[in-house]
C-alpha cells in the first residue's frame, strides 16, 4: 500500500456519532441496516447503510457510539441516500465489527 502524508490523512474527516435510529434494509443487494447517526450540533444527524448484519441487529445499535467518515459525497444505495461511511473491521469470518471509542466521548469529536 502506498504511503500517504499527514496532510493526506487530515483530508479524511472521521468523527464520532451516536446511532439514534436503525432499521432493516431488505431492499439492499447485500444484507444491511439503515442507520441514523447524530454527530452533534456542528454536523447534526446523518444517515447511512451498513453491511453489519452478522454481528448487529437494529435494536441493539440504538445509543451506540460509532466512528464514521463524514466528508465523502452522498451515495445513492437503492432508494436510500447514504451520507456518511461508518467504519468497521472484518473478523475471521468476514463479518464487520464496528469501530467505536471504548469510553464515552463528545458527539462530533474528530479522530486525531
C-alpha atoms as a PDB file:
ATOM      1  CA  UNK A   1       0.000   0.000   0.000  1.00  0.00           C
ATOM      2  CA  UNK A   2       1.290   3.465  -0.877  1.00  0.00           C
ATOM      3  CA  UNK A   3       2.414   5.778   1.890  1.00  0.00           C
ATOM      4  CA  UNK A   4       0.472   8.977   2.500  1.00  0.00           C
ATOM      5  CA  UNK A   5       1.451  12.210   4.166  1.00  0.00           C
ATOM      6  CA  UNK A   6      -0.053  13.571   7.368  1.00  0.00           C
ATOM      7  CA  UNK A   7      -1.781  16.220   5.222  1.00  0.00           C
ATOM      8  CA  UNK A   8      -3.413  13.399   3.224  1.00  0.00           C
ATOM      9  CA  UNK A   9      -4.671  11.873   6.480  1.00  0.00           C
ATOM     10  CA  UNK A  10      -6.131  15.211   7.580  1.00  0.00           C
ATOM     11  CA  UNK A  11      -8.306  15.277   4.444  1.00  0.00           C
ATOM     12  CA  UNK A  12     -10.319  12.342   5.822  1.00  0.00           C
ATOM     13  CA  UNK A  13     -12.775  13.706   8.386  1.00  0.00           C
ATOM     14  CA  UNK A  14     -13.526  10.873  10.830  1.00  0.00           C
ATOM     15  CA  UNK A  15     -15.953  11.759  13.623  1.00  0.00           C
ATOM     16  CA  UNK A  16     -17.768  10.028  16.446  1.00  0.00           C
ATOM     17  CA  UNK A  17     -21.546   9.853  16.395  1.00  0.00           C
ATOM     18  CA  UNK A  18     -24.357   8.075  18.229  1.00  0.00           C
ATOM     19  CA  UNK A  19     -26.851   5.801  16.499  1.00  0.00           C
ATOM     20  CA  UNK A  20     -30.304   7.297  17.091  1.00  0.00           C
ATOM     21  CA  UNK A  21     -32.308   5.037  14.797  1.00  0.00           C
ATOM     22  CA  UNK A  22     -31.702   1.747  12.980  1.00  0.00           C
ATOM     23  CA  UNK A  23     -33.888  -0.244  10.590  1.00  0.00           C
ATOM     24  CA  UNK A  24     -33.505  -3.360   8.478  1.00  0.00           C
ATOM     25  CA  UNK A  25     -32.682  -2.620   4.823  1.00  0.00           C
ATOM     26  CA  UNK A  26     -34.244  -5.593   2.996  1.00  0.00           C
ATOM     27  CA  UNK A  27     -34.081  -3.851  -0.405  1.00  0.00           C
ATOM     28  CA  UNK A  28     -30.257  -3.749  -0.322  1.00  0.00           C
ATOM     29  CA  UNK A  29     -28.417  -6.212  -2.579  1.00  0.00           C
ATOM     30  CA  UNK A  30     -26.363  -7.472   0.385  1.00  0.00           C
ATOM     31  CA  UNK A  31     -27.857  -7.702   3.900  1.00  0.00           C
ATOM     32  CA  UNK A  32     -27.621  -4.260   5.507  1.00  0.00           C
ATOM     33  CA  UNK A  33     -29.025  -1.984   8.182  1.00  0.00           C
ATOM     34  CA  UNK A  34     -30.078   1.654   7.720  1.00  0.00           C
ATOM     35  CA  UNK A  35     -28.585   3.884  10.416  1.00  0.00           C
ATOM     36  CA  UNK A  36     -29.271   7.448  11.518  1.00  0.00           C
ATOM     37  CA  UNK A  37     -26.275   8.826  13.412  1.00  0.00           C
ATOM     38  CA  UNK A  38     -26.149  12.030  15.487  1.00  0.00           C
ATOM     39  CA  UNK A  39     -22.803  13.835  15.148  1.00  0.00           C
ATOM     40  CA  UNK A  40     -23.687  16.704  17.482  1.00  0.00           C
ATOM     41  CA  UNK A  41     -24.579  20.339  16.889  1.00  0.00           C
ATOM     42  CA  UNK A  42     -21.995  21.077  14.161  1.00  0.00           C
ATOM     43  CA  UNK A  43     -22.912  18.232  11.765  1.00  0.00           C
ATOM     44  CA  UNK A  44     -26.311  17.097  13.017  1.00  0.00           C
ATOM     45  CA  UNK A  45     -27.862  13.772  12.115  1.00  0.00           C
ATOM     46  CA  UNK A  46     -26.667  11.855   9.049  1.00  0.00           C
ATOM     47  CA  UNK A  47     -27.864   8.575   7.593  1.00  0.00           C
ATOM     48  CA  UNK A  48     -26.039   5.599   6.172  1.00  0.00           C
ATOM     49  CA  UNK A  49     -26.411   1.985   5.156  1.00  0.00           C
ATOM     50  CA  UNK A  50     -24.044  -0.585   6.644  1.00  0.00           C
ATOM     51  CA  UNK A  51     -23.481  -4.278   5.904  1.00  0.00           C
ATOM     52  CA  UNK A  52     -23.209  -5.195   9.585  1.00  0.00           C
ATOM     53  CA  UNK A  53     -25.964  -7.813   9.956  1.00  0.00           C
ATOM     54  CA  UNK A  54     -23.633 -10.647  11.025  1.00  0.00           C
ATOM     55  CA  UNK A  55     -22.962  -9.145  14.454  1.00  0.00           C
ATOM     56  CA  UNK A  56     -25.650  -6.484  14.879  1.00  0.00           C
ATOM     57  CA  UNK A  57     -29.435  -6.180  14.940  1.00  0.00           C
ATOM     58  CA  UNK A  58     -31.135  -2.796  14.549  1.00  0.00           C
ATOM     59  CA  UNK A  59     -32.476  -2.700  18.122  1.00  0.00           C
ATOM     60  CA  UNK A  60     -29.041  -3.349  19.623  1.00  0.00           C
ATOM     61  CA  UNK A  61     -27.446  -0.405  17.801  1.00  0.00           C
ATOM     62  CA  UNK A  62     -29.520   2.407  19.314  1.00  0.00           C
ATOM     63  CA  UNK A  63     -27.308   4.512  21.574  1.00  0.00           C
ATOM     64  CA  UNK A  64     -24.037   3.011  20.328  1.00  0.00           C
ATOM     65  CA  UNK A  65     -21.198   5.406  19.540  1.00  0.00           C
ATOM     66  CA  UNK A  66     -19.587   4.732  16.144  1.00  0.00           C
ATOM     67  CA  UNK A  67     -16.795   6.209  14.045  1.00  0.00           C
ATOM     68  CA  UNK A  68     -17.598   7.430  10.533  1.00  0.00           C
ATOM     69  CA  UNK A  69     -16.087   9.302   7.610  1.00  0.00           C
ATOM     70  CA  UNK A  70     -18.286  12.381   7.275  1.00  0.00           C
ATOM     71  CA  UNK A  71     -16.761  14.131   4.254  1.00  0.00           C
ATOM     72  CA  UNK A  72     -17.462  11.659   1.451  1.00  0.00           C
ATOM     73  CA  UNK A  73     -20.082  12.823  -1.064  1.00  0.00           C
ATOM     74  CA  UNK A  74     -23.555  11.303  -0.504  1.00  0.00           C
ATOM     75  CA  UNK A  75     -24.118   7.987  -2.289  1.00  0.00           C
ATOM     76  CA  UNK A  76     -27.424   6.573  -3.522  1.00  0.00           C
ATOM     77  CA  UNK A  77     -27.968   2.983  -2.377  1.00  0.00           C
ATOM     78  CA  UNK A  78     -31.232   1.831  -3.915  1.00  0.00           C
ATOM     79  CA  UNK A  79     -33.874   4.302  -2.740  1.00  0.00           C
ATOM     80  CA  UNK A  80     -31.754   5.321   0.268  1.00  0.00           C
ATOM     81  CA  UNK A  81     -29.204   8.167   0.309  1.00  0.00           C
ATOM     82  CA  UNK A  82     -26.118   7.324   2.371  1.00  0.00           C
ATOM     83  CA  UNK A  83     -24.427  10.465   3.732  1.00  0.00           C
ATOM     84  CA  UNK A  84     -21.548   9.019   5.800  1.00  0.00           C
ATOM     85  CA  UNK A  85     -19.465   5.841   5.945  1.00  0.00           C
ATOM     86  CA  UNK A  86     -19.435   4.053   9.302  1.00  0.00           C
ATOM     87  CA  UNK A  87     -16.128   2.293   9.911  1.00  0.00           C
ATOM     88  CA  UNK A  88     -15.568  -1.335  10.757  1.00  0.00           C
ATOM     89  CA  UNK A  89     -13.110  -4.188  10.538  1.00  0.00           C
ATOM     90  CA  UNK A  90     -13.701  -7.702   9.179  1.00  0.00           C
ATOM     91  CA  UNK A  91     -13.498 -10.504  11.709  1.00  0.00           C
ATOM     92  CA  UNK A  92     -12.137 -14.004  10.928  1.00  0.00           C
ATOM     93  CA  UNK A  93     -15.356 -14.906   9.069  1.00  0.00           C
ATOM     94  CA  UNK A  94     -15.647 -11.547   7.200  1.00  0.00           C
ATOM     95  CA  UNK A  95     -18.404 -10.217   9.452  1.00  0.00           C
ATOM     96  CA  UNK A  96     -17.996  -6.484  10.063  1.00  0.00           C
ATOM     97  CA  UNK A  97     -17.254  -5.266  13.595  1.00  0.00           C
ATOM     98  CA  UNK A  98     -17.933  -1.549  14.058  1.00  0.00           C
ATOM     99  CA  UNK A  99     -15.208   0.789  15.271  1.00  0.00           C
ATOM    100  CA  UNK A 100     -16.196   2.787  18.321  1.00  0.00           C
ATOM    101  CA  UNK A 101     -14.480   4.584  21.194  1.00  0.00           C
ATOM    102  CA  UNK A 102     -14.007   2.447  24.293  1.00  0.00           C
ATOM    103  CA  UNK A 103     -15.013   5.388  26.511  1.00  0.00           C
ATOM    104  CA  UNK A 104     -17.859   7.877  26.091  1.00  0.00           C
ATOM    105  CA  UNK A 105     -16.694  10.901  24.085  1.00  0.00           C
ATOM    106  CA  UNK A 106     -18.481  14.082  22.886  1.00  0.00           C
ATOM    107  CA  UNK A 107     -20.505  13.697  19.690  1.00  0.00           C
ATOM    108  CA  UNK A 108     -18.813  15.125  16.641  1.00  0.00           C
ATOM    109  CA  UNK A 109     -15.322  14.662  18.084  1.00  0.00           C
ATOM    110  CA  UNK A 110     -12.757  14.282  15.324  1.00  0.00           C
ATOM    111  CA  UNK A 111     -10.304  11.395  15.252  1.00  0.00           C
ATOM    112  CA  UNK A 112      -6.657  12.514  15.554  1.00  0.00           C
END
